[in-house]
Amino acid sequence: MSRHLQKDIESLKNKIIQMGEDVEDRVYRATLSIIKHDKRMAQDVIDHDAEIDAIEVAIEEDCLRILALHQPVAVDLRFIITVMKINSELERVGDLAVNIAERSVFLAGQVDVEIPYDISGMALQVESMLTRSIDCLVNMDVPLAYRIRSEDDEVDEKNQEMYTHLKDAISKNPDQINYLLHSLSVGRHLERIADHATNIAEEVIYLIDAVIVRHTPETYEE
């Protein structure tokens, strides 16, 4: 690898890691705003959505510039392709954080109504998956990436439990249906964030092992 290519790849790695941290923070604050009924915090997440969009565009432009300028091969090429894919996944997570924040703005205005499922537990697991998916990239950690893949099933189970609780709550409290449907949307958005975290982990596996693991069993062998 030439010195200039190495420098550009290191810069690209730092940018995607920073983007990951920014997106993690937005997801955290969006879900926290629901738990704390903090409309101002939710609105702040919504108001700064354009920042993530701008970062995504800048990273994509960097990737294309490096491809055109250096024409990398082998692992360097896989790294740039992986960054482009992770960049897209993170931008979508940023959009989902905004969606959660928008639901939070509505929910914060309601009184004497509670979300009928463990949103805190679901949010903590999803946020952990997202954080560790970025750690996979930083540390080139394939075993961790496979563990994240296996956790996606756990979030899916929580999502199914959420549907059951909400169905029961709607039947018992039809007057609260608008509130409960917003609560349902929050859970669905969290489940989608877990999917994107899993996708990021799978991209890291591709980067390191040059193996596409989508639609394959969630196992790892040393």
C-alpha atoms as a PDB file:
ATOM      1  CA  MET A   1       0.000   0.000   0.000  1.00  0.00           C
ATOM      2  CA  SER A   2       1.382   3.421  -0.945  1.00  0.00           C
ATOM      3  CA  ARG A   3       1.877   6.023   1.771  1.00  0.00           C
ATOM      4  CA  HIS A   4      -0.802   8.277   0.263  1.00  0.00           C
ATOM      5  CA  LEU A   5      -3.338   5.456   0.047  1.00  0.00           C
ATOM      6  CA  GLN A   6      -2.587   4.413   3.614  1.00  0.00           C
ATOM      7  CA  LYS A   7      -3.131   7.985   4.785  1.00  0.00           C
ATOM      8  CA  ASP A   8      -6.435   8.282   2.906  1.00  0.00           C
ATOM      9  CA  ILE A   9      -7.707   4.949   4.249  1.00  0.00           C
ATOM     10  CA  GLU A  10      -6.793   5.901   7.818  1.00  0.00           C
ATOM     11  CA  SER A  11      -8.641   9.192   7.394  1.00  0.00           C
ATOM     12  CA  LEU A  12     -11.652   7.348   5.981  1.00  0.00           C
ATOM     13  CA  LYS A  13     -11.640   4.945   8.915  1.00  0.00           C
ATOM     14  CA  ASN A  14     -11.602   7.834  11.394  1.00  0.00           C
ATOM     15  CA  LYS A  15     -14.515   9.507   9.620  1.00  0.00           C
ATOM     16  CA  ILE A  16     -16.735   6.420   9.587  1.00  0.00           C
ATOM     17  CA  ILE A  17     -15.977   5.792  13.267  1.00  0.00           C
ATOM     18  CA  GLN A  18     -16.898   9.388  14.098  1.00  0.00           C
ATOM     19  CA  MET A  19     -20.095   9.066  12.100  1.00  0.00           C
ATOM     20  CA  GLY A  20     -20.915   5.917  14.029  1.00  0.00           C
ATOM     21  CA  GLU A  21     -20.432   7.727  17.329  1.00  0.00           C
ATOM     22  CA  ASP A  22     -22.639  10.609  16.168  1.00  0.00           C
ATOM     23  CA  VAL A  23     -25.407   8.244  15.092  1.00  0.00           C
ATOM     24  CA  GLU A  24     -25.147   6.283  18.354  1.00  0.00           C
ATOM     25  CA  ASP A  25     -25.607   9.527  20.273  1.00  0.00           C
ATOM     26  CA  ARG A  26     -28.733  10.394  18.293  1.00  0.00           C
ATOM     27  CA  VAL A  27     -30.292   6.997  18.919  1.00  0.00           C
ATOM     28  CA  TYR A  28     -29.491   7.268  22.615  1.00  0.00           C
ATOM     29  CA  ARG A  29     -30.990  10.742  22.948  1.00  0.00           C
ATOM     30  CA  ALA A  30     -34.058   9.885  20.884  1.00  0.00           C
ATOM     31  CA  THR A  31     -34.927   6.897  23.085  1.00  0.00           C
ATOM     32  CA  LEU A  32     -33.988   8.735  26.284  1.00  0.00           C
ATOM     33  CA  SER A  33     -36.331  11.547  25.315  1.00  0.00           C
ATOM     34  CA  ILE A  34     -39.194   9.041  25.325  1.00  0.00           C
ATOM     35  CA  ILE A  35     -38.252   7.563  28.682  1.00  0.00           C
ATOM     36  CA  LYS A  36     -37.886  11.032  30.232  1.00  0.00           C
ATOM     37  CA  HIS A  37     -40.805  12.622  28.324  1.00  0.00           C
ATOM     38  CA  ASP A  38     -38.326  15.243  27.117  1.00  0.00           C
ATOM     39  CA  LYS A  39     -39.781  17.009  24.102  1.00  0.00           C
ATOM     40  CA  ARG A  40     -36.854  19.428  23.834  1.00  0.00           C
ATOM     41  CA  MET A  41     -34.309  16.610  23.589  1.00  0.00           C
ATOM     42  CA  ALA A  42     -36.390  14.907  20.910  1.00  0.00           C
ATOM     43  CA  GLN A  43     -36.718  18.100  18.904  1.00  0.00           C
ATOM     44  CA  ASP A  44     -32.947  18.602  19.030  1.00  0.00           C
ATOM     45  CA  VAL A  45     -32.442  15.195  17.386  1.00  0.00           C
ATOM     46  CA  ILE A  46     -34.931  16.141  14.671  1.00  0.00           C
ATOM     47  CA  ASP A  47     -33.373  19.561  14.071  1.00  0.00           C
ATOM     48  CA  HIS A  48     -29.877  18.142  13.469  1.00  0.00           C
ATOM     49  CA  ASP A  49     -30.826  15.380  11.036  1.00  0.00           C
ATOM     50  CA  ALA A  50     -29.211  17.225   8.118  1.00  0.00           C
ATOM     51  CA  GLU A  51     -25.784  16.900   9.766  1.00  0.00           C
ATOM     52  CA  ILE A  52     -25.770  13.116   9.371  1.00  0.00           C
ATOM     53  CA  ASP A  53     -26.921  13.423   5.766  1.00  0.00           C
ATOM     54  CA  ALA A  54     -24.036  15.788   5.034  1.00  0.00           C
ATOM     55  CA  ILE A  55     -21.503  13.455   6.655  1.00  0.00           C
ATOM     56  CA  GLU A  56     -22.828  10.517   4.636  1.00  0.00           C
ATOM     57  CA  VAL A  57     -22.363  12.431   1.389  1.00  0.00           C
ATOM     58  CA  ALA A  58     -18.849  13.536   2.367  1.00  0.00           C
ATOM     59  CA  ILE A  59     -17.766   9.978   3.202  1.00  0.00           C
ATOM     60  CA  GLU A  60     -19.209   8.615  -0.038  1.00  0.00           C
ATOM     61  CA  GLU A  61     -17.354  11.292  -1.997  1.00  0.00           C
ATOM     62  CA  ASP A  62     -14.118  10.364  -0.196  1.00  0.00           C
ATOM     63  CA  CYS A  63     -14.618   6.700  -1.089  1.00  0.00           C
ATOM     64  CA  LEU A  64     -15.184   7.491  -4.752  1.00  0.00           C
ATOM     65  CA  ARG A  65     -12.171   9.803  -4.824  1.00  0.00           C
ATOM     66  CA  ILE A  66      -9.917   7.115  -3.328  1.00  0.00           C
ATOM     67  CA  LEU A  67     -11.194   4.520  -5.799  1.00  0.00           C
ATOM     68  CA  ALA A  68     -10.512   6.830  -8.751  1.00  0.00           C
ATOM     69  CA  LEU A  69      -7.168   8.122  -7.511  1.00  0.00           C
ATOM     70  CA  HIS A  70      -5.506   4.972  -6.143  1.00  0.00           C
ATOM     71  CA  GLN A  71      -7.399   2.103  -7.826  1.00  0.00           C
ATOM     72  CA  PRO A  72      -6.957  -0.098  -4.722  1.00  0.00           C
ATOM     73  CA  VAL A  73      -7.135  -3.890  -4.830  1.00  0.00           C
ATOM     74  CA  ALA A  74      -7.635  -6.814  -2.439  1.00  0.00           C
ATOM     75  CA  VAL A  75      -8.188  -5.858   1.209  1.00  0.00           C
ATOM     76  CA  ASP A  76      -7.937  -2.112   0.527  1.00  0.00           C
ATOM     77  CA  LEU A  77     -10.694  -2.360  -2.050  1.00  0.00           C
ATOM     78  CA  ARG A  78     -12.825  -4.428   0.335  1.00  0.00           C
ATOM     79  CA  PHE A  79     -12.295  -1.837   3.042  1.00  0.00           C
ATOM     80  CA  ILE A  80     -13.552   1.006   0.876  1.00  0.00           C
ATOM     81  CA  ILE A  81     -16.554  -1.024  -0.320  1.00  0.00           C
ATOM     82  CA  THR A  82     -17.324  -1.922   3.307  1.00  0.00           C
ATOM     83  CA  VAL A  83     -17.120   1.705   4.417  1.00  0.00           C
ATOM     84  CA  MET A  84     -19.531   2.729   1.658  1.00  0.00           C
ATOM     85  CA  LYS A  85     -22.033   0.119   2.804  1.00  0.00           C
ATOM     86  CA  ILE A  86     -21.642   0.924   6.504  1.00  0.00           C
ATOM     87  CA  ASN A  87     -21.961   4.611   5.665  1.00  0.00           C
ATOM     88  CA  SER A  88     -25.365   3.913   4.124  1.00  0.00           C
ATOM     89  CA  GLU A  89     -26.444   1.742   7.071  1.00  0.00           C
ATOM     90  CA  LEU A  90     -25.523   4.475   9.554  1.00  0.00           C
ATOM     91  CA  GLU A  91     -27.409   7.131   7.615  1.00  0.00           C
ATOM     92  CA  ARG A  92     -30.505   4.961   7.762  1.00  0.00           C
ATOM     93  CA  VAL A  93     -30.043   4.513  11.509  1.00  0.00           C
ATOM     94  CA  GLY A  94     -29.849   8.289  11.782  1.00  0.00           C
ATOM     95  CA  ASP A  95     -33.178   8.527   9.966  1.00  0.00           C
ATOM     96  CA  LEU A  96     -34.700   5.991  12.362  1.00  0.00           C
ATOM     97  CA  ALA A  97     -33.454   8.015  15.331  1.00  0.00           C
ATOM     98  CA  VAL A  98     -35.320  10.997  13.882  1.00  0.00           C
ATOM     99  CA  ASN A  99     -38.429   8.847  13.447  1.00  0.00           C
ATOM    100  CA  ILE A 100     -38.217   7.824  17.111  1.00  0.00           C
ATOM    101  CA  ALA A 101     -37.738  11.454  18.125  1.00  0.00           C
ATOM    102  CA  GLU A 102     -40.820  12.446  16.137  1.00  0.00           C
ATOM    103  CA  ARG A 103     -42.856   9.835  17.999  1.00  0.00           C
ATOM    104  CA  SER A 104     -41.343  11.140  21.233  1.00  0.00           C
ATOM    105  CA  VAL A 105     -42.575  14.678  20.556  1.00  0.00           C
ATOM    106  CA  PHE A 106     -46.120  13.336  20.421  1.00  0.00           C
ATOM    107  CA  LEU A 107     -45.754  10.947  23.375  1.00  0.00           C
ATOM    108  CA  ALA A 108     -44.231  13.643  25.595  1.00  0.00           C
ATOM    109  CA  GLY A 109     -47.463  15.604  25.328  1.00  0.00           C
ATOM    110  CA  GLN A 110     -49.570  12.758  26.726  1.00  0.00           C
ATOM    111  CA  VAL A 111     -50.262  12.337  30.439  1.00  0.00           C
ATOM    112  CA  ASP A 112     -51.244   9.368  32.597  1.00  0.00           C
ATOM    113  CA  VAL A 113     -50.452   6.892  29.818  1.00  0.00           C
ATOM    114  CA  GLU A 114     -47.587   4.391  29.851  1.00  0.00           C
ATOM    115  CA  ILE A 115     -45.924   2.431  27.057  1.00  0.00           C
ATOM    116  CA  PRO A 116     -47.063  -1.177  27.670  1.00  0.00           C
ATOM    117  CA  TYR A 117     -43.734  -2.891  27.026  1.00  0.00           C
ATOM    118  CA  ASP A 118     -40.137  -2.692  28.228  1.00  0.00           C
ATOM    119  CA  ILE A 119     -38.925   0.074  25.949  1.00  0.00           C
ATOM    120  CA  SER A 120     -35.891   0.749  28.172  1.00  0.00           C
ATOM    121  CA  GLY A 121     -34.695  -2.856  27.941  1.00  0.00           C
ATOM    122  CA  MET A 122     -35.251  -3.018  24.196  1.00  0.00           C
ATOM    123  CA  ALA A 123     -33.493   0.319  23.647  1.00  0.00           C
ATOM    124  CA  LEU A 124     -30.487  -0.686  25.768  1.00  0.00           C
ATOM    125  CA  GLN A 125     -29.966  -3.903  23.807  1.00  0.00           C
ATOM    126  CA  VAL A 126     -30.349  -2.199  20.440  1.00  0.00           C
ATOM    127  CA  GLU A 127     -27.996   0.639  21.405  1.00  0.00           C
ATOM    128  CA  SER A 128     -25.445  -1.916  22.625  1.00  0.00           C
ATOM    129  CA  MET A 129     -25.652  -3.797  19.324  1.00  0.00           C
ATOM    130  CA  LEU A 130     -25.080  -0.581  17.398  1.00  0.00           C
ATOM    131  CA  THR A 131     -22.115   0.462  19.551  1.00  0.00           C
ATOM    132  CA  ARG A 132     -20.469  -2.949  19.303  1.00  0.00           C
ATOM    133  CA  SER A 133     -21.034  -3.144  15.556  1.00  0.00           C
ATOM    134  CA  ILE A 134     -18.815  -0.076  15.230  1.00  0.00           C
ATOM    135  CA  ASP A 135     -16.342  -1.659  17.670  1.00  0.00           C
ATOM    136  CA  CYS A 136     -16.172  -4.624  15.273  1.00  0.00           C
ATOM    137  CA  LEU A 137     -14.878  -2.294  12.578  1.00  0.00           C
ATOM    138  CA  VAL A 138     -12.438  -0.508  14.877  1.00  0.00           C
ATOM    139  CA  ASN A 139     -10.953  -3.719  16.269  1.00  0.00           C
ATOM    140  CA  MET A 140     -11.497  -5.982  13.223  1.00  0.00           C
ATOM    141  CA  ASP A 141     -13.317  -8.356  15.586  1.00  0.00           C
ATOM    142  CA  VAL A 142     -15.015 -11.215  13.735  1.00  0.00           C
ATOM    143  CA  PRO A 143     -16.172 -13.185  16.828  1.00  0.00           C
ATOM    144  CA  LEU A 144     -17.931 -10.073  18.136  1.00  0.00           C
ATOM    145  CA  ALA A 145     -19.577  -9.570  14.749  1.00  0.00           C
ATOM    146  CA  TYR A 146     -21.032 -13.083  14.908  1.00  0.00           C
ATOM    147  CA  ARG A 147     -22.304 -12.487  18.455  1.00  0.00           C
ATOM    148  CA  ILE A 148     -24.137  -9.388  17.250  1.00  0.00           C
ATOM    149  CA  ARG A 149     -25.748 -11.434  14.469  1.00  0.00           C
ATOM    150  CA  SER A 150     -27.091 -13.909  17.035  1.00  0.00           C
ATOM    151  CA  GLU A 151     -28.527 -11.098  19.175  1.00  0.00           C
ATOM    152  CA  ASP A 152     -30.723  -9.916  16.327  1.00  0.00           C
ATOM    153  CA  ASP A 153     -33.008 -12.894  16.988  1.00  0.00           C
ATOM    154  CA  GLU A 154     -33.396 -11.763  20.602  1.00  0.00           C
ATOM    155  CA  VAL A 155     -34.537  -8.324  19.465  1.00  0.00           C
ATOM    156  CA  ASP A 156     -36.979  -9.953  17.041  1.00  0.00           C
ATOM    157  CA  GLU A 157     -38.436 -11.890  19.986  1.00  0.00           C
ATOM    158  CA  LYS A 158     -38.790  -8.687  21.997  1.00  0.00           C
ATOM    159  CA  ASN A 159     -40.497  -7.153  19.000  1.00  0.00           C
ATOM    160  CA  GLN A 160     -43.033  -9.985  18.900  1.00  0.00           C
ATOM    161  CA  GLU A 161     -43.652  -9.628  22.639  1.00  0.00           C
ATOM    162  CA  MET A 162     -44.215  -5.911  22.087  1.00  0.00           C
ATOM    163  CA  TYR A 163     -46.890  -6.637  19.479  1.00  0.00           C
ATOM    164  CA  THR A 164     -48.646  -8.981  21.903  1.00  0.00           C
ATOM    165  CA  HIS A 165     -48.627  -6.416  24.732  1.00  0.00           C
ATOM    166  CA  LEU A 166     -49.825  -3.630  22.467  1.00  0.00           C
ATOM    167  CA  LYS A 167     -52.604  -5.736  20.959  1.00  0.00           C
ATOM    168  CA  ASP A 168     -53.833  -6.476  24.461  1.00  0.00           C
ATOM    169  CA  ALA A 169     -53.509  -2.823  25.505  1.00  0.00           C
ATOM    170  CA  ILE A 170     -55.469  -1.607  22.468  1.00  0.00           C
ATOM    171  CA  SER A 171     -58.302  -4.058  23.140  1.00  0.00           C
ATOM    172  CA  LYS A 172     -58.526  -2.886  26.764  1.00  0.00           C
ATOM    173  CA  ASN A 173     -58.000   0.832  26.099  1.00  0.00           C
ATOM    174  CA  PRO A 174     -59.365   1.707  22.648  1.00  0.00           C
ATOM    175  CA  ASP A 175     -59.482   5.372  23.653  1.00  0.00           C
ATOM    176  CA  GLN A 176     -55.664   5.335  23.800  1.00  0.00           C
ATOM    177  CA  ILE A 177     -55.153   3.863  20.338  1.00  0.00           C
ATOM    178  CA  ASN A 178     -53.290   6.880  18.944  1.00  0.00           C
ATOM    179  CA  TYR A 179     -50.798   6.828  21.806  1.00  0.00           C
ATOM    180  CA  LEU A 180     -50.379   3.058  21.546  1.00  0.00           C
ATOM    181  CA  LEU A 181     -49.798   3.162  17.787  1.00  0.00           C
ATOM    182  CA  HIS A 182     -47.026   5.729  18.308  1.00  0.00           C
ATOM    183  CA  SER A 183     -45.561   3.376  20.906  1.00  0.00           C
ATOM    184  CA  LEU A 184     -45.717   0.563  18.364  1.00  0.00           C
ATOM    185  CA  SER A 185     -43.800   2.684  15.863  1.00  0.00           C
ATOM    186  CA  VAL A 186     -41.016   3.261  18.396  1.00  0.00           C
ATOM    187  CA  GLY A 187     -40.556  -0.482  18.895  1.00  0.00           C
ATOM    188  CA  ARG A 188     -40.548  -1.115  15.155  1.00  0.00           C
ATOM    189  CA  HIS A 189     -37.901   1.568  14.623  1.00  0.00           C
ATOM    190  CA  LEU A 190     -35.729   0.066  17.362  1.00  0.00           C
ATOM    191  CA  GLU A 191     -36.031  -3.355  15.736  1.00  0.00           C
ATOM    192  CA  ARG A 192     -34.931  -1.871  12.417  1.00  0.00           C
ATOM    193  CA  ILE A 193     -31.895  -0.272  14.085  1.00  0.00           C
ATOM    194  CA  ALA A 194     -30.939  -3.720  15.364  1.00  0.00           C
ATOM    195  CA  ASP A 195     -31.204  -4.995  11.773  1.00  0.00           C
ATOM    196  CA  HIS A 196     -28.842  -2.266  10.575  1.00  0.00           C
ATOM    197  CA  ALA A 197     -26.388  -3.022  13.397  1.00  0.00           C
ATOM    198  CA  THR A 198     -26.452  -6.651  12.274  1.00  0.00           C
ATOM    199  CA  ASN A 199     -25.823  -5.570   8.680  1.00  0.00           C
ATOM    200  CA  ILE A 200     -22.800  -3.562   9.815  1.00  0.00           C
ATOM    201  CA  ALA A 201     -21.422  -6.590  11.662  1.00  0.00           C
ATOM    202  CA  GLU A 202     -21.895  -8.708   8.545  1.00  0.00           C
ATOM    203  CA  GLU A 203     -20.016  -6.151   6.463  1.00  0.00           C
ATOM    204  CA  VAL A 204     -17.103  -6.361   8.897  1.00  0.00           C
ATOM    205  CA  ILE A 205     -17.064 -10.142   8.487  1.00  0.00           C
ATOM    206  CA  TYR A 206     -16.882  -9.615   4.724  1.00  0.00           C
ATOM    207  CA  LEU A 207     -14.058  -7.107   5.151  1.00  0.00           C
ATOM    208  CA  ILE A 208     -11.919  -9.430   7.251  1.00  0.00           C
ATOM    209  CA  ASP A 209     -12.785 -12.889   5.922  1.00  0.00           C
ATOM    210  CA  ALA A 210     -13.970 -11.992   2.398  1.00  0.00           C
ATOM    211  CA  VAL A 211     -17.091 -14.058   3.077  1.00  0.00           C
ATOM    212  CA  ILE A 212     -20.664 -12.913   2.499  1.00  0.00           C
ATOM    213  CA  VAL A 213     -22.656 -14.274   5.447  1.00  0.00           C
ATOM    214  CA  ARG A 214     -26.109 -12.883   4.706  1.00  0.00           C
ATOM    215  CA  HIS A 215     -28.774 -15.627   4.761  1.00  0.00           C
ATOM    216  CA  THR A 216     -26.346 -18.088   6.391  1.00  0.00           C
ATOM    217  CA  PRO A 217     -26.459 -19.711   9.880  1.00  0.00           C
ATOM    218  CA  GLU A 218     -25.346 -17.406  12.697  1.00  0.00           C
ATOM    219  CA  THR A 219     -22.362 -19.494  13.801  1.00  0.00           C
ATOM    220  CA  TYR A 220     -18.676 -18.856  14.219  1.00  0.00           C
ATOM    221  CA  GLU A 221     -15.802 -21.304  14.307  1.00  0.00           C
ATOM    222  CA  GLU A 222     -12.237 -20.436  15.303  1.00  0.00           C
END
